[in-house]
Amino acid sequence: MNWKSLFTPGANMSPDEVKIFMAEHQLDEYQLLDVRQLKEYERGHLPGSMLVPVKELTGRMEELDRTKPTFVY
């Protein structure tokens, strides 16, 4: 599976729209995907986010829940 296909059907949201969505939903209703490198993640990340560096994304697609809204940063 191509990693880009995970994101094709979704709409782009502004950071403010994502903050509102997160405030109105439980963490188990969506997933936060941090695609930065480990050192960046260790310096700080959003609570509940999953680290999958962009270079590893293709090989780790099975770890993602395609049924949930996914916010990538």
PDB file of N, CA and C in Angstrom:
ATOM      1  N   MET A   1       0.844  -1.182   0.000  1.00  0.00           N
ATOM      2  CA  MET A   1       0.000   0.000   0.000  1.00  0.00           C
ATOM      3  C   MET A   1       0.886   1.242   0.000  1.00  0.00           C
ATOM      4  N   ASN A   2       0.490   2.208  -0.758  1.00  0.00           N
ATOM      5  CA  ASN A   2       1.196   3.470  -0.843  1.00  0.00           C
ATOM      6  C   ASN A   2       0.787   4.343   0.349  1.00  0.00           C
ATOM      7  N   TRP A   3       1.745   4.909   1.067  1.00  0.00           N
ATOM      8  CA  TRP A   3       1.423   5.703   2.259  1.00  0.00           C
ATOM      9  C   TRP A   3       0.558   6.907   1.915  1.00  0.00           C
ATOM     10  N   LYS A   4       0.675   7.437   0.705  1.00  0.00           N
ATOM     11  CA  LYS A   4      -0.123   8.594   0.321  1.00  0.00           C
ATOM     12  C   LYS A   4      -1.617   8.261   0.289  1.00  0.00           C
ATOM     13  N   SER A   5      -1.954   6.994   0.038  1.00  0.00           N
ATOM     14  CA  SER A   5      -3.366   6.617  -0.037  1.00  0.00           C
ATOM     15  C   SER A   5      -4.069   6.754   1.315  1.00  0.00           C
ATOM     16  N   LEU A   6      -3.311   6.734   2.392  1.00  0.00           N
ATOM     17  CA  LEU A   6      -3.907   6.929   3.716  1.00  0.00           C
ATOM     18  C   LEU A   6      -4.510   8.318   3.844  1.00  0.00           C
ATOM     19  N   PHE A   7      -3.939   9.286   3.192  1.00  0.00           N
ATOM     20  CA  PHE A   7      -4.331  10.673   3.373  1.00  0.00           C
ATOM     21  C   PHE A   7      -5.163  11.247   2.236  1.00  0.00           C
ATOM     22  N   THR A   8      -5.332  10.545   1.165  1.00  0.00           N
ATOM     23  CA  THR A   8      -6.037  11.043  -0.002  1.00  0.00           C
ATOM     24  C   THR A   8      -7.474  11.476   0.264  1.00  0.00           C
ATOM     25  N   PRO A   9      -8.312  10.655   0.953  1.00  0.00           N
ATOM     26  CA  PRO A   9      -9.719  11.028   1.072  1.00  0.00           C
ATOM     27  C   PRO A   9     -10.003  12.176   2.033  1.00  0.00           C
ATOM     28  N   GLY A  10      -9.061  12.524   2.861  1.00  0.00           N
ATOM     29  CA  GLY A  10      -9.323  13.516   3.889  1.00  0.00           C
ATOM     30  C   GLY A  10      -9.232  14.940   3.398  1.00  0.00           C
ATOM     31  N   ALA A  11      -9.720  15.830   4.235  1.00  0.00           N
ATOM     32  CA  ALA A  11      -9.647  17.255   3.946  1.00  0.00           C
ATOM     33  C   ALA A  11      -8.522  17.865   4.764  1.00  0.00           C
ATOM     34  N   ASN A  12      -7.935  18.906   4.248  1.00  0.00           N
ATOM     35  CA  ASN A  12      -6.932  19.638   5.011  1.00  0.00           C
ATOM     36  C   ASN A  12      -7.635  20.495   6.052  1.00  0.00           C
ATOM     37  N   MET A  13      -7.040  20.574   7.218  1.00  0.00           N
ATOM     38  CA  MET A  13      -7.589  21.396   8.296  1.00  0.00           C
ATOM     39  C   MET A  13      -6.496  22.318   8.797  1.00  0.00           C
ATOM     40  N   SER A  14      -6.894  23.490   9.216  1.00  0.00           N
ATOM     41  CA  SER A  14      -5.932  24.424   9.798  1.00  0.00           C
ATOM     42  C   SER A  14      -5.582  23.953  11.210  1.00  0.00           C
ATOM     43  N   PRO A  15      -4.471  24.415  11.756  1.00  0.00           N
ATOM     44  CA  PRO A  15      -4.142  24.060  13.133  1.00  0.00           C
ATOM     45  C   PRO A  15      -5.266  24.413  14.115  1.00  0.00           C
ATOM     46  N   ASP A  16      -5.929  25.527  13.916  1.00  0.00           N
ATOM     47  CA  ASP A  16      -7.019  25.905  14.819  1.00  0.00           C
ATOM     48  C   ASP A  16      -8.192  24.932  14.710  1.00  0.00           C
ATOM     49  N   GLU A  17      -8.487  24.491  13.484  1.00  0.00           N
ATOM     50  CA  GLU A  17      -9.568  23.519  13.301  1.00  0.00           C
ATOM     51  C   GLU A  17      -9.225  22.179  13.964  1.00  0.00           C
ATOM     52  N   VAL A  18      -7.975  21.785  13.884  1.00  0.00           N
ATOM     53  CA  VAL A  18      -7.545  20.536  14.539  1.00  0.00           C
ATOM     54  C   VAL A  18      -7.670  20.669  16.052  1.00  0.00           C
ATOM     55  N   LYS A  19      -7.271  21.796  16.607  1.00  0.00           N
ATOM     56  CA  LYS A  19      -7.392  22.020  18.053  1.00  0.00           C
ATOM     57  C   LYS A  19      -8.843  21.920  18.495  1.00  0.00           C
ATOM     58  N   ILE A  20      -9.743  22.492  17.736  1.00  0.00           N
ATOM     59  CA  ILE A  20     -11.173  22.424  18.066  1.00  0.00           C
ATOM     60  C   ILE A  20     -11.653  20.981  17.985  1.00  0.00           C
ATOM     61  N   PHE A  21     -11.272  20.278  16.926  1.00  0.00           N
ATOM     62  CA  PHE A  21     -11.656  18.872  16.779  1.00  0.00           C
ATOM     63  C   PHE A  21     -11.176  18.064  17.978  1.00  0.00           C
ATOM     64  N   MET A  22      -9.915  18.241  18.354  1.00  0.00           N
ATOM     65  CA  MET A  22      -9.340  17.489  19.476  1.00  0.00           C
ATOM     66  C   MET A  22     -10.061  17.810  20.783  1.00  0.00           C
ATOM     67  N   ALA A  23     -10.451  19.056  20.962  1.00  0.00           N
ATOM     68  CA  ALA A  23     -11.146  19.450  22.189  1.00  0.00           C
ATOM     69  C   ALA A  23     -12.540  18.835  22.264  1.00  0.00           C
ATOM     70  N   GLU A  24     -13.135  18.566  21.106  1.00  0.00           N
ATOM     71  CA  GLU A  24     -14.499  18.046  21.058  1.00  0.00           C
ATOM     72  C   GLU A  24     -14.577  16.524  20.960  1.00  0.00           C
ATOM     73  N   HIS A  25     -13.430  15.849  20.865  1.00  0.00           N
ATOM     74  CA  HIS A  25     -13.407  14.400  20.698  1.00  0.00           C
ATOM     75  C   HIS A  25     -12.437  13.756  21.696  1.00  0.00           C
ATOM     76  N   GLN A  26     -12.703  12.504  21.993  1.00  0.00           N
ATOM     77  CA  GLN A  26     -11.812  11.722  22.848  1.00  0.00           C
ATOM     78  C   GLN A  26     -10.599  11.271  22.027  1.00  0.00           C
ATOM     79  N   LEU A  27      -9.463  11.049  22.688  1.00  0.00           N
ATOM     80  CA  LEU A  27      -8.235  10.655  22.011  1.00  0.00           C
ATOM     81  C   LEU A  27      -8.399   9.344  21.239  1.00  0.00           C
ATOM     82  N   ASP A  28      -9.261   8.455  21.712  1.00  0.00           N
ATOM     83  CA  ASP A  28      -9.428   7.179  21.009  1.00  0.00           C
ATOM     84  C   ASP A  28     -10.302   7.301  19.754  1.00  0.00           C
ATOM     85  N   GLU A  29     -10.798   8.503  19.469  1.00  0.00           N
ATOM     86  CA  GLU A  29     -11.631   8.723  18.280  1.00  0.00           C
ATOM     87  C   GLU A  29     -10.824   9.215  17.077  1.00  0.00           C
ATOM     88  N   TYR A  30      -9.556   9.489  17.268  1.00  0.00           N
ATOM     89  CA  TYR A  30      -8.691   9.954  16.187  1.00  0.00           C
ATOM     90  C   TYR A  30      -7.268   9.523  16.506  1.00  0.00           C
ATOM     91  N   GLN A  31      -6.370   9.702  15.555  1.00  0.00           N
ATOM     92  CA  GLN A  31      -4.968   9.390  15.831  1.00  0.00           C
ATOM     93  C   GLN A  31      -4.076  10.546  15.406  1.00  0.00           C
ATOM     94  N   LEU A  32      -3.049  10.744  16.203  1.00  0.00           N
ATOM     95  CA  LEU A  32      -2.049  11.773  15.931  1.00  0.00           C
ATOM     96  C   LEU A  32      -0.799  11.067  15.445  1.00  0.00           C
ATOM     97  N   LEU A  33      -0.325  11.442  14.299  1.00  0.00           N
ATOM     98  CA  LEU A  33       0.826  10.792  13.694  1.00  0.00           C
ATOM     99  C   LEU A  33       1.958  11.794  13.550  1.00  0.00           C
ATOM    100  N   ASP A  34       3.021  11.562  14.296  1.00  0.00           N
ATOM    101  CA  ASP A  34       4.210  12.410  14.253  1.00  0.00           C
ATOM    102  C   ASP A  34       5.192  11.771  13.288  1.00  0.00           C
ATOM    103  N   VAL A  35       5.484  12.428  12.185  1.00  0.00           N
ATOM    104  CA  VAL A  35       6.355  11.855  11.164  1.00  0.00           C
ATOM    105  C   VAL A  35       7.770  12.446  11.198  1.00  0.00           C
ATOM    106  N   ARG A  36       8.095  13.102  12.300  1.00  0.00           N
ATOM    107  CA  ARG A  36       9.436  13.672  12.437  1.00  0.00           C
ATOM    108  C   ARG A  36      10.413  12.581  12.876  1.00  0.00           C
ATOM    109  N   GLN A  37      11.646  12.951  13.094  1.00  0.00           N
ATOM    110  CA  GLN A  37      12.668  12.008  13.549  1.00  0.00           C
ATOM    111  C   GLN A  37      12.603  11.840  15.075  1.00  0.00           C
ATOM    112  N   LEU A  38      13.170  10.746  15.573  1.00  0.00           N
ATOM    113  CA  LEU A  38      13.119  10.401  16.998  1.00  0.00           C
ATOM    114  C   LEU A  38      13.596  11.547  17.894  1.00  0.00           C
ATOM    115  N   LYS A  39      14.710  12.166  17.566  1.00  0.00           N
ATOM    116  CA  LYS A  39      15.230  13.247  18.418  1.00  0.00           C
ATOM    117  C   LYS A  39      14.248  14.410  18.523  1.00  0.00           C
ATOM    118  N   GLU A  40      13.569  14.722  17.420  1.00  0.00           N
ATOM    119  CA  GLU A  40      12.571  15.795  17.439  1.00  0.00           C
ATOM    120  C   GLU A  40      11.393  15.387  18.312  1.00  0.00           C
ATOM    121  N   TYR A  41      10.959  14.142  18.180  1.00  0.00           N
ATOM    122  CA  TYR A  41       9.855  13.608  18.984  1.00  0.00           C
ATOM    123  C   TYR A  41      10.206  13.650  20.473  1.00  0.00           C
ATOM    124  N   GLU A  42      11.430  13.253  20.804  1.00  0.00           N
ATOM    125  CA  GLU A  42      11.865  13.244  22.208  1.00  0.00           C
ATOM    126  C   GLU A  42      11.916  14.647  22.795  1.00  0.00           C
ATOM    127  N   ARG A  43      12.212  15.652  21.979  1.00  0.00           N
ATOM    128  CA  ARG A  43      12.253  17.045  22.455  1.00  0.00           C
ATOM    129  C   ARG A  43      10.870  17.568  22.796  1.00  0.00           C
ATOM    130  N   GLY A  44       9.854  16.967  22.205  1.00  0.00           N
ATOM    131  CA  GLY A  44       8.490  17.383  22.486  1.00  0.00           C
ATOM    132  C   GLY A  44       7.538  16.881  21.416  1.00  0.00           C
ATOM    133  N   HIS A  45       6.385  16.426  21.876  1.00  0.00           N
ATOM    134  CA  HIS A  45       5.363  15.942  20.947  1.00  0.00           C
ATOM    135  C   HIS A  45       3.995  16.095  21.594  1.00  0.00           C
ATOM    136  N   LEU A  46       2.973  16.004  20.780  1.00  0.00           N
ATOM    137  CA  LEU A  46       1.614  16.099  21.294  1.00  0.00           C
ATOM    138  C   LEU A  46       1.274  14.840  22.084  1.00  0.00           C
ATOM    139  N   PRO A  47       0.644  14.983  23.246  1.00  0.00           N
ATOM    140  CA  PRO A  47       0.264  13.806  24.029  1.00  0.00           C
ATOM    141  C   PRO A  47      -0.619  12.862  23.202  1.00  0.00           C
ATOM    142  N   GLY A  48      -0.292  11.582  23.261  1.00  0.00           N
ATOM    143  CA  GLY A  48      -1.068  10.579  22.552  1.00  0.00           C
ATOM    144  C   GLY A  48      -0.622  10.344  21.119  1.00  0.00           C
ATOM    145  N   SER A  49       0.404  11.068  20.672  1.00  0.00           N
ATOM    146  CA  SER A  49       0.845  10.899  19.285  1.00  0.00           C
ATOM    147  C   SER A  49       1.700   9.651  19.124  1.00  0.00           C
ATOM    148  N   MET A  50       1.690   9.106  17.913  1.00  0.00           N
ATOM    149  CA  MET A  50       2.476   7.934  17.570  1.00  0.00           C
ATOM    150  C   MET A  50       3.602   8.399  16.652  1.00  0.00           C
ATOM    151  N   LEU A  51       4.826   7.982  16.978  1.00  0.00           N
ATOM    152  CA  LEU A  51       5.974   8.334  16.142  1.00  0.00           C
ATOM    153  C   LEU A  51       6.151   7.294  15.047  1.00  0.00           C
ATOM    154  N   VAL A  52       6.051   7.738  13.813  1.00  0.00           N
ATOM    155  CA  VAL A  52       6.380   6.922  12.642  1.00  0.00           C
ATOM    156  C   VAL A  52       7.110   7.871  11.681  1.00  0.00           C
ATOM    157  N   PRO A  53       8.445   7.894  11.755  1.00  0.00           N
ATOM    158  CA  PRO A  53       9.180   8.791  10.869  1.00  0.00           C
ATOM    159  C   PRO A  53       8.774   8.572   9.412  1.00  0.00           C
ATOM    160  N   VAL A  54       8.708   9.648   8.661  1.00  0.00           N
ATOM    161  CA  VAL A  54       8.189   9.589   7.295  1.00  0.00           C
ATOM    162  C   VAL A  54       8.906   8.539   6.449  1.00  0.00           C
ATOM    163  N   LYS A  55      10.196   8.334   6.667  1.00  0.00           N
ATOM    164  CA  LYS A  55      10.937   7.334   5.894  1.00  0.00           C
ATOM    165  C   LYS A  55      10.495   5.910   6.221  1.00  0.00           C
ATOM    166  N   GLU A  56       9.876   5.692   7.385  1.00  0.00           N
ATOM    167  CA  GLU A  56       9.417   4.366   7.802  1.00  0.00           C
ATOM    168  C   GLU A  56       7.936   4.141   7.520  1.00  0.00           C
ATOM    169  N   LEU A  57       7.251   5.157   7.095  1.00  0.00           N
ATOM    170  CA  LEU A  57       5.798   5.114   6.989  1.00  0.00           C
ATOM    171  C   LEU A  57       5.291   3.983   6.084  1.00  0.00           C
ATOM    172  N   THR A  58       5.888   3.811   4.933  1.00  0.00           N
ATOM    173  CA  THR A  58       5.430   2.776   4.006  1.00  0.00           C
ATOM    174  C   THR A  58       5.464   1.396   4.657  1.00  0.00           C
ATOM    175  N   GLY A  59       6.493   1.088   5.403  1.00  0.00           N
ATOM    176  CA  GLY A  59       6.638  -0.221   6.042  1.00  0.00           C
ATOM    177  C   GLY A  59       5.837  -0.390   7.316  1.00  0.00           C
ATOM    178  N   ARG A  60       5.240   0.670   7.809  1.00  0.00           N
ATOM    179  CA  ARG A  60       4.520   0.591   9.083  1.00  0.00           C
ATOM    180  C   ARG A  60       3.045   0.955   8.959  1.00  0.00           C
ATOM    181  N   MET A  61       2.519   0.930   7.753  1.00  0.00           N
ATOM    182  CA  MET A  61       1.124   1.311   7.510  1.00  0.00           C
ATOM    183  C   MET A  61       0.142   0.467   8.318  1.00  0.00           C
ATOM    184  N   GLU A  62       0.466  -0.802   8.565  1.00  0.00           N
ATOM    185  CA  GLU A  62      -0.457  -1.676   9.299  1.00  0.00           C
ATOM    186  C   GLU A  62      -0.663  -1.231  10.750  1.00  0.00           C
ATOM    187  N   GLU A  63       0.193  -0.369  11.261  1.00  0.00           N
ATOM    188  CA  GLU A  63       0.056   0.128  12.625  1.00  0.00           C
ATOM    189  C   GLU A  63      -1.014   1.217  12.736  1.00  0.00           C
ATOM    190  N   LEU A  64      -1.434   1.755  11.604  1.00  0.00           N
ATOM    191  CA  LEU A  64      -2.389   2.866  11.604  1.00  0.00           C
ATOM    192  C   LEU A  64      -3.812   2.356  11.424  1.00  0.00           C
ATOM    193  N   ASP A  65      -4.732   3.038  12.055  1.00  0.00           N
ATOM    194  CA  ASP A  65      -6.151   2.704  11.949  1.00  0.00           C
ATOM    195  C   ASP A  65      -6.775   3.580  10.868  1.00  0.00           C
ATOM    196  N   ARG A  66      -7.042   2.983   9.721  1.00  0.00           N
ATOM    197  CA  ARG A  66      -7.575   3.751   8.595  1.00  0.00           C
ATOM    198  C   ARG A  66      -9.007   4.217   8.820  1.00  0.00           C
ATOM    199  N   THR A  67      -9.670   3.736   9.853  1.00  0.00           N
ATOM    200  CA  THR A  67     -11.051   4.138  10.107  1.00  0.00           C
ATOM    201  C   THR A  67     -11.146   5.425  10.923  1.00  0.00           C
ATOM    202  N   LYS A  68     -10.046   5.850  11.492  1.00  0.00           N
ATOM    203  CA  LYS A  68     -10.055   7.057  12.333  1.00  0.00           C
ATOM    204  C   LYS A  68      -9.472   8.253  11.590  1.00  0.00           C
ATOM    205  N   PRO A  69      -9.980   9.439  11.899  1.00  0.00           N
ATOM    206  CA  PRO A  69      -9.331  10.640  11.365  1.00  0.00           C
ATOM    207  C   PRO A  69      -7.880  10.653  11.836  1.00  0.00           C
ATOM    208  N   THR A  70      -6.977  11.015  10.953  1.00  0.00           N
ATOM    209  CA  THR A  70      -5.553  11.022  11.270  1.00  0.00           C
ATOM    210  C   THR A  70      -4.998  12.415  11.047  1.00  0.00           C
ATOM    211  N   PHE A  71      -4.373  12.942  12.083  1.00  0.00           N
ATOM    212  CA  PHE A  71      -3.720  14.245  12.003  1.00  0.00           C
ATOM    213  C   PHE A  71      -2.222  14.022  11.985  1.00  0.00           C
ATOM    214  N   VAL A  72      -1.582  14.510  10.949  1.00  0.00           N
ATOM    215  CA  VAL A  72      -0.150  14.272  10.716  1.00  0.00           C
ATOM    216  C   VAL A  72       0.615  15.565  10.930  1.00  0.00           C
ATOM    217  N   TYR A  73       1.717  15.438  11.668  1.00  0.00           N
ATOM    218  CA  TYR A  73       2.601  16.595  11.808  1.00  0.00           C
ATOM    219  C   TYR A  73       4.044  16.133  11.874  1.00  0.00           C
TER     220      TYR A  73
END
